[in-house]
Amino acid sequence: MSEASWVERAELALAQAGRKRGGARRAVLELLANESCALTAIEIEDALRGEPSRGVSRASIYRILDELERLRLVQRVDIGQSMVRYERACEREDHHHHLVCDECGLVTPFSDPALELAITSLSRRVPLSVSEHEIVLHGSCRDCHAARGGGERISSPQIRGDAEEREHRHDEQDRSGVL
């Protein structure tokens, strides 16, 4: 689903729920639509603060996220360590999971067709009609692993992740001092 159609679908669902259009809500929707992975409320606040005329209070962001979650427009991703992130609910073809570096906090989306096949196979064998799933894998990212003297860098060519986005976010965290 394109970013524009997700925003339109979200605005329609909000209107049907009796919510009026608002600038803060629109700013959050547009930001989430353009993100490839989950963000914390603070990251959303920081991103919106950086754009002219888009400052939105943290309390408003939490209210908007709660409302979007109730309408199943965003997915809450609990990555542990009392950290919650939010991302737009995606269609099946955009489904992904998350890798979390426990050292620097880097969150990287990944997709693995073999994992999805294994989950589909498992769902046939368990006494539950599986409607959705979320997998969060914890460990050390390549840079933190190497910095600890972990030997050769970690690579995973069989898993599709957005390497450029991963490097960009790691660089952003380095510059912001969040490690």
Protein backbone atom coordinates (compact mmCIF):
# COMPACT_ATOMS: atom_id res chain seq x y z
CA MET A 1 0.00 0.00 0.00
CA SER A 2 1.39 3.39 -0.92
CA GLU A 3 2.03 6.02 1.72
CA ALA A 4 -0.67 8.30 0.27
CA SER A 5 -3.31 5.57 0.30
CA TRP A 6 -2.45 4.63 3.89
CA VAL A 7 -2.92 8.26 4.98
CA GLU A 8 -6.22 8.41 3.08
CA ARG A 9 -7.39 5.12 4.61
CA ALA A 10 -6.39 6.35 8.08
CA GLU A 11 -8.19 9.68 7.63
CA LEU A 12 -11.32 7.87 6.42
CA ALA A 13 -11.26 5.52 9.42
CA LEU A 14 -10.80 8.48 11.78
CA ALA A 15 -13.70 10.35 10.15
CA GLN A 16 -15.92 7.26 10.46
CA ALA A 17 -14.98 7.12 14.15
CA GLY A 18 -16.24 10.70 14.51
CA ARG A 19 -12.86 12.39 14.64
CA LYS A 20 -12.34 15.75 12.98
CA ARG A 21 -9.30 16.47 10.85
CA GLY A 22 -6.45 18.12 12.67
CA GLY A 23 -3.01 19.35 11.82
CA ALA A 24 -1.27 17.36 14.55
CA ARG A 25 -2.96 14.12 13.53
CA ARG A 26 -2.18 14.75 9.85
CA ALA A 27 1.49 15.43 10.67
CA VAL A 28 1.77 12.15 12.61
CA LEU A 29 0.02 10.22 9.83
CA GLU A 30 2.30 11.63 7.15
CA LEU A 31 5.41 10.91 9.20
CA LEU A 32 4.40 7.31 9.91
CA ALA A 33 3.44 6.79 6.26
CA ASN A 34 6.95 7.67 5.15
CA GLU A 35 8.81 5.54 7.71
CA SER A 36 10.04 2.05 6.90
CA CYS A 37 10.13 0.96 10.54
CA ALA A 38 8.75 1.68 13.99
CA LEU A 39 9.40 4.90 15.92
CA THR A 40 9.02 5.84 19.57
CA ALA A 41 6.73 8.72 20.51
CA ILE A 42 9.83 10.75 21.36
CA GLU A 43 11.34 10.05 17.92
CA ILE A 44 8.06 11.18 16.35
CA GLU A 45 8.12 14.35 18.45
CA ASP A 46 11.74 15.05 17.46
CA ALA A 47 11.05 14.46 13.76
CA LEU A 48 8.03 16.76 13.78
CA ARG A 49 9.88 19.44 15.75
CA GLY A 50 12.47 19.55 12.96
CA GLU A 51 9.88 20.55 10.37
CA PRO A 52 8.55 24.11 10.14
CA SER A 53 5.05 24.58 11.57
CA ARG A 54 4.80 20.92 12.58
CA GLY A 55 5.61 20.97 16.28
CA VAL A 56 3.28 18.58 18.12
CA SER A 57 3.29 18.05 21.88
CA ARG A 58 4.28 14.67 23.27
CA ALA A 59 0.90 14.32 25.01
CA SER A 60 -0.88 14.88 21.67
CA ILE A 61 1.37 12.32 20.00
CA TYR A 62 0.51 9.70 22.62
CA ARG A 63 -3.22 10.45 22.29
CA ILE A 64 -3.01 10.21 18.50
CA LEU A 65 -1.04 6.94 18.66
CA ASP A 66 -3.53 5.42 21.14
CA GLU A 67 -6.39 6.40 18.86
CA LEU A 68 -4.65 5.00 15.77
CA GLU A 69 -3.88 1.78 17.62
CA ARG A 70 -7.52 1.37 18.72
CA LEU A 71 -8.54 1.71 15.06
CA ARG A 72 -5.84 -0.83 14.09
CA LEU A 73 -4.10 1.73 11.89
CA VAL A 74 -0.81 1.48 13.74
CA GLN A 75 0.89 -1.47 15.34
CA ARG A 76 2.53 -1.23 18.73
CA VAL A 77 5.94 -2.93 18.73
CA ASP A 78 7.25 -3.79 22.19
CA ILE A 79 11.01 -4.17 21.80
CA GLY A 80 11.69 -4.77 25.49
CA GLN A 81 13.50 -2.66 28.06
CA SER A 82 10.23 -0.73 28.60
CA MET A 83 10.55 0.62 25.06
CA VAL A 84 7.51 0.78 22.79
CA ARG A 85 7.56 1.80 19.15
CA TYR A 86 4.77 2.41 16.69
CA GLU A 87 4.50 1.82 12.97
CA ARG A 88 1.71 1.92 10.47
CA ALA A 89 -0.24 -1.29 10.19
CA CYS A 90 0.83 -2.78 6.91
CA GLU A 91 -0.65 -5.05 4.35
CA ARG A 92 0.55 -8.63 4.22
CA GLU A 93 3.07 -7.93 1.44
CA ASP A 94 4.73 -5.18 3.53
CA HIS A 95 4.91 -7.33 6.69
CA HIS A 96 8.26 -7.34 8.48
CA HIS A 97 9.85 -8.14 11.81
CA HIS A 98 12.49 -6.36 13.89
CA LEU A 99 16.11 -6.84 14.91
CA VAL A 100 17.03 -4.94 18.09
CA CYS A 101 20.60 -4.19 19.16
CA ASP A 102 20.59 -4.37 22.95
CA GLU A 103 23.76 -2.27 23.10
CA CYS A 104 23.00 0.80 20.97
CA GLY A 105 19.22 0.48 20.57
CA LEU A 106 19.27 0.23 16.77
CA VAL A 107 16.03 -1.25 15.41
CA THR A 108 16.19 -2.76 11.94
CA PRO A 109 13.26 -4.15 9.96
CA PHE A 110 13.75 -7.48 8.22
CA SER A 111 11.74 -9.91 6.14
CA ASP A 112 12.48 -13.57 5.64
CA PRO A 113 10.25 -15.67 3.38
CA ALA A 114 11.52 -18.90 4.97
CA LEU A 115 10.49 -17.62 8.41
CA GLU A 116 7.01 -16.76 7.10
CA LEU A 117 6.67 -20.27 5.62
CA ALA A 118 7.72 -21.78 8.96
CA ILE A 119 5.13 -19.68 10.80
CA THR A 120 2.43 -20.67 8.31
CA SER A 121 3.37 -24.32 8.77
CA LEU A 122 3.40 -23.97 12.55
CA SER A 123 0.00 -22.24 12.54
CA ARG A 124 -1.50 -25.37 10.96
CA ARG A 125 -0.22 -27.49 13.86
CA VAL A 126 -1.20 -25.37 16.86
CA PRO A 127 -4.68 -25.14 18.38
CA LEU A 128 -5.04 -21.47 17.43
CA SER A 129 -6.17 -19.65 14.35
CA VAL A 130 -3.17 -17.35 13.93
CA SER A 131 -4.30 -13.93 12.71
CA GLU A 132 -1.05 -12.01 13.13
CA HIS A 133 2.45 -12.36 14.51
CA GLU A 134 5.39 -10.16 15.44
CA ILE A 135 8.93 -11.34 15.93
CA VAL A 136 11.56 -9.23 17.68
CA LEU A 137 15.08 -10.65 17.73
CA HIS A 138 17.56 -9.20 20.24
CA GLY A 139 21.35 -9.20 20.04
CA SER A 140 24.25 -7.04 18.90
CA CYS A 141 24.32 -5.19 15.60
CA ARG A 142 27.34 -5.59 13.34
CA ASP A 143 29.02 -2.42 14.61
CA CYS A 144 28.54 -3.17 18.31
CA HIS A 145 29.58 -6.79 17.79
CA ALA A 146 32.78 -5.64 16.04
CA ALA A 147 33.44 -2.94 18.67
CA ARG A 148 33.34 -5.60 21.38
CA GLY A 149 35.99 -7.54 19.49
CA GLY A 150 33.44 -10.06 18.31
CA GLY A 151 35.55 -11.08 15.35
CA GLU A 152 34.34 -10.77 11.80
CA ARG A 153 31.36 -8.57 11.04
CA ILE A 154 27.96 -10.17 11.04
CA SER A 155 26.19 -10.43 7.71
CA SER A 156 22.92 -12.04 6.71
CA PRO A 157 22.47 -12.15 2.94
CA GLN A 158 19.48 -14.49 3.15
CA ILE A 159 17.45 -12.00 5.18
CA ARG A 160 16.11 -8.94 3.41
CA GLY A 161 16.70 -5.82 5.47
CA ASP A 162 17.16 -2.23 4.48
CA ALA A 163 20.93 -1.90 4.88
CA GLU A 164 21.09 1.78 3.92
CA GLU A 165 18.32 2.65 6.37
CA ARG A 166 20.06 0.61 9.06
CA GLU A 167 23.37 2.45 8.52
CA HIS A 168 21.57 5.83 8.37
CA ARG A 169 19.79 5.22 11.68
CA HIS A 170 23.00 4.05 13.33
CA ASP A 171 24.77 7.22 12.11
CA GLU A 172 21.87 9.35 13.39
CA GLN A 173 22.11 7.69 16.80
CA ASP A 174 25.87 8.28 16.87
CA ARG A 175 25.38 11.99 16.15
CA SER A 176 22.59 12.39 18.69
CA GLY A 177 24.64 10.68 21.39
CA VAL A 178 21.99 7.99 21.96
CA LEU A 179 24.00 4.81 22.39
